[in-house]
């Protein structure tokens, strides 16, 4: 009986801590974007971003109930002039989870790859729906260039795993059920 109880606890623990992940292409044809200077649209924005609040976002459904991790990889075209740099905020459902600083490249016009893996407090997505956003948090000085997204990247959202205390409580409950069954059998 004890072996059966221990096997059940081990199986339940392994099942519970396996985190699911959802990967999406971002930005993509279903992205929406807005630029204070160039208006707004859908798809990959071919218009540059240079004003605070310019953003690109994408909403998707089918993810886990809550997420607490993000791994992303993006390419953007950097046309920043000497002495200027820009900061991008990475948001999920309006909560900032990371920032990236894009350095100047002397108007080089080449792709710059940015990415990171971050953990954060769980963010709940109603019905597994999440909106990922990249937003410019400062303004590029006039005449000092711009940045824009011309290639698709990827965002991988990781599901929040249960707390260790919850798992311990679950294990104690299983042990109690096993003891009750054992006593009834005696």
Protein backbone atom coordinates (compact mmCIF):
# COMPACT_ATOMS: atom_id res chain seq x y z
CA UNK A 1 0.00 0.00 0.00
CA UNK A 2 2.80 2.39 0.89
CA UNK A 3 4.45 1.80 -2.50
CA UNK A 4 1.18 2.61 -4.25
CA UNK A 5 0.77 5.79 -2.17
CA UNK A 6 4.35 6.93 -2.89
CA UNK A 7 3.96 6.21 -6.61
CA UNK A 8 0.73 8.26 -6.67
CA UNK A 9 2.39 11.21 -4.93
CA UNK A 10 5.39 11.09 -7.29
CA UNK A 11 3.16 10.93 -10.37
CA UNK A 12 0.99 13.80 -9.16
CA UNK A 13 4.06 15.92 -8.40
CA UNK A 14 5.61 15.30 -11.81
CA UNK A 15 2.31 16.06 -13.57
CA UNK A 16 1.75 19.27 -11.61
CA UNK A 17 5.18 20.86 -12.10
CA UNK A 18 5.40 20.32 -15.83
CA UNK A 19 4.99 23.83 -17.23
CA UNK A 20 3.34 24.30 -20.56
CA UNK A 21 4.66 26.90 -22.95
CA UNK A 22 3.07 28.78 -25.82
CA UNK A 23 5.22 30.15 -28.64
CA UNK A 24 3.97 32.74 -31.09
CA UNK A 25 5.46 34.56 -34.03
CA UNK A 26 5.65 38.21 -33.09
CA UNK A 27 5.31 40.57 -34.78
CA UNK A 28 3.24 38.90 -37.48
CA UNK A 29 0.46 39.58 -39.95
CA UNK A 30 -2.03 39.72 -37.08
CA UNK A 31 -0.08 42.33 -35.10
CA UNK A 32 -1.39 45.84 -34.70
CA UNK A 33 0.86 48.87 -34.47
CA UNK A 34 0.58 52.55 -33.77
CA UNK A 35 2.98 55.40 -34.42
CA UNK A 36 2.28 58.95 -33.27
CA UNK A 37 3.77 60.21 -36.52
CA UNK A 38 2.67 57.56 -39.01
CA UNK A 39 -0.77 56.46 -37.85
CA UNK A 40 -1.62 52.82 -37.22
CA UNK A 41 -2.15 49.55 -39.05
CA UNK A 42 -1.89 45.78 -38.93
CA UNK A 43 0.87 43.39 -39.88
CA UNK A 44 4.57 44.11 -39.76
CA UNK A 45 4.96 47.87 -39.47
CA UNK A 46 7.10 49.27 -42.22
CA UNK A 47 6.85 52.71 -40.67
CA UNK A 48 9.54 53.82 -38.23
CA UNK A 49 9.02 54.28 -34.50
CA UNK A 50 10.53 57.32 -32.84
CA UNK A 51 8.06 58.87 -30.40
CA UNK A 52 7.31 57.84 -26.82
CA UNK A 53 4.28 55.56 -26.84
CA UNK A 54 4.78 54.15 -30.35
CA UNK A 55 4.10 50.44 -30.09
CA UNK A 56 3.45 47.13 -31.78
CA UNK A 57 1.19 44.58 -30.10
CA UNK A 58 -0.49 41.28 -30.75
CA UNK A 59 -3.32 39.51 -28.94
CA UNK A 60 -3.58 35.74 -29.02
CA UNK A 61 -5.76 33.10 -27.39
CA UNK A 62 -5.00 29.52 -26.46
CA UNK A 63 -2.27 30.09 -23.92
CA UNK A 64 -2.10 28.76 -20.35
CA UNK A 65 -4.34 30.20 -17.61
CA UNK A 66 -1.40 32.12 -16.08
CA UNK A 67 2.16 32.85 -17.21
CA UNK A 68 5.26 33.71 -15.20
CA UNK A 69 8.03 33.50 -17.79
CA UNK A 70 8.92 34.88 -21.20
CA UNK A 71 11.68 34.05 -23.66
CA UNK A 72 11.81 36.31 -26.68
CA UNK A 73 13.96 36.93 -29.71
CA UNK A 74 13.38 39.87 -32.05
CA UNK A 75 15.13 41.63 -34.90
CA UNK A 76 14.65 45.31 -35.52
CA UNK A 77 16.19 47.72 -37.95
CA UNK A 78 18.36 50.28 -36.21
CA UNK A 79 18.81 53.64 -37.93
CA UNK A 80 19.78 55.58 -34.80
CA UNK A 81 22.23 58.41 -35.16
CA UNK A 82 25.34 59.02 -33.10
CA UNK A 83 24.76 59.71 -29.44
CA UNK A 84 21.16 58.49 -29.27
CA UNK A 85 19.81 55.29 -27.82
CA UNK A 86 16.27 54.09 -27.28
CA UNK A 87 14.56 52.04 -24.62
CA UNK A 88 11.81 49.56 -25.41
CA UNK A 89 9.39 48.20 -22.81
CA UNK A 90 8.22 44.60 -23.19
CA UNK A 91 4.68 44.17 -21.80
CA UNK A 92 2.25 41.31 -21.30
CA UNK A 93 -1.38 42.32 -20.71
CA UNK A 94 -0.17 45.84 -19.90
CA UNK A 95 2.37 44.70 -17.27
CA UNK A 96 5.98 45.58 -18.05
CA UNK A 97 8.15 42.45 -17.75
CA UNK A 98 11.41 43.63 -19.37
CA UNK A 99 13.22 46.52 -21.07
CA UNK A 100 15.76 46.64 -23.87
CA UNK A 101 18.08 49.53 -24.72
CA UNK A 102 18.96 49.90 -28.39
CA UNK A 103 22.31 51.70 -28.87
CA UNK A 104 23.07 54.04 -31.73
CA UNK A 105 24.77 52.55 -34.75
CA UNK A 106 25.64 55.71 -36.65
CA UNK A 107 22.68 55.44 -39.06
CA UNK A 108 23.82 51.95 -40.05
CA UNK A 109 20.38 50.62 -41.04
CA UNK A 110 21.20 47.05 -40.03
CA UNK A 111 19.21 44.50 -38.07
CA UNK A 112 19.83 44.40 -34.35
CA UNK A 113 18.83 41.24 -32.50
CA UNK A 114 17.38 41.63 -29.04
CA UNK A 115 16.12 38.96 -26.69
CA UNK A 116 16.00 37.77 -23.14
CA UNK A 117 14.52 35.22 -20.76
CA UNK A 118 12.68 36.75 -17.82
CA UNK A 119 10.61 35.54 -14.87
CA UNK A 120 7.92 37.61 -13.18
CA UNK A 121 4.92 37.39 -10.88
CA UNK A 122 2.16 35.34 -12.52
CA UNK A 123 -0.02 37.20 -15.01
CA UNK A 124 -3.47 35.73 -15.53
CA UNK A 125 -4.88 35.67 -19.04
CA UNK A 126 -8.67 35.48 -19.11
CA UNK A 127 -9.49 32.30 -21.08
CA UNK A 128 -5.78 32.01 -21.96
CA UNK A 129 -5.80 35.33 -23.83
CA UNK A 130 -2.67 37.51 -23.76
CA UNK A 131 -1.60 40.75 -25.41
CA UNK A 132 2.13 41.15 -25.95
CA UNK A 133 3.40 44.67 -26.60
CA UNK A 134 6.69 46.36 -27.42
CA UNK A 135 6.54 50.07 -26.67
CA UNK A 136 9.01 52.90 -27.17
CA UNK A 137 9.52 54.58 -23.78
CA UNK A 138 11.42 57.65 -24.92
CA UNK A 139 11.59 59.87 -27.99
CA UNK A 140 14.40 59.83 -30.53
CA UNK A 141 15.61 63.41 -30.94
CA UNK A 142 14.62 65.01 -34.27
CA UNK A 143 17.07 64.14 -37.02
CA UNK A 144 18.63 61.28 -35.04
CA UNK A 145 16.99 58.40 -36.91
CA UNK A 146 14.43 55.77 -35.98
CA UNK A 147 13.90 52.07 -35.37
CA UNK A 148 11.38 49.73 -36.95
CA UNK A 149 10.45 46.06 -37.00
CA UNK A 150 10.86 44.49 -40.39
CA UNK A 151 11.28 40.84 -39.43
CA UNK A 152 9.20 38.43 -37.41
CA UNK A 153 10.53 37.27 -34.08
CA UNK A 154 9.18 34.95 -31.41
CA UNK A 155 7.71 35.14 -27.93
CA UNK A 156 7.47 32.01 -25.77
CA UNK A 157 5.24 32.37 -22.70
CA UNK A 158 5.74 29.83 -19.89
CA UNK A 159 2.89 28.65 -17.70
CA UNK A 160 3.02 29.41 -14.01
CA UNK A 161 3.91 26.28 -11.99
CA UNK A 162 2.13 25.57 -8.71
CA UNK A 163 3.74 26.74 -5.47
CA UNK A 164 5.72 24.19 -3.41
CA UNK A 165 3.36 24.72 -0.44
CA UNK A 166 0.38 23.76 -2.62
CA UNK A 167 2.20 20.63 -3.73
CA UNK A 168 3.02 19.73 -0.10
CA UNK A 169 -0.61 20.17 0.92
CA UNK A 170 -1.68 17.99 -2.01
CA UNK A 171 0.82 15.31 -0.94
CA UNK A 172 -0.43 15.37 2.66
CA UNK A 173 -4.00 14.97 1.40
CA UNK A 174 -3.03 11.95 -0.68
CA UNK A 175 -1.19 10.43 2.28
CA UNK A 176 -4.28 10.93 4.45
CA UNK A 177 -6.50 9.23 1.89
CA UNK A 178 -4.07 6.33 1.77
CA UNK A 179 -4.11 5.94 5.57
CA UNK A 180 -7.92 6.04 5.68
CA UNK A 181 -8.09 3.33 3.03
CA UNK A 182 -5.51 1.24 4.85
CA UNK A 183 -7.43 1.44 8.15
CA UNK A 184 -10.72 0.49 6.46
CA UNK A 185 -9.03 -2.53 4.89
CA UNK A 186 -7.69 -3.81 8.27
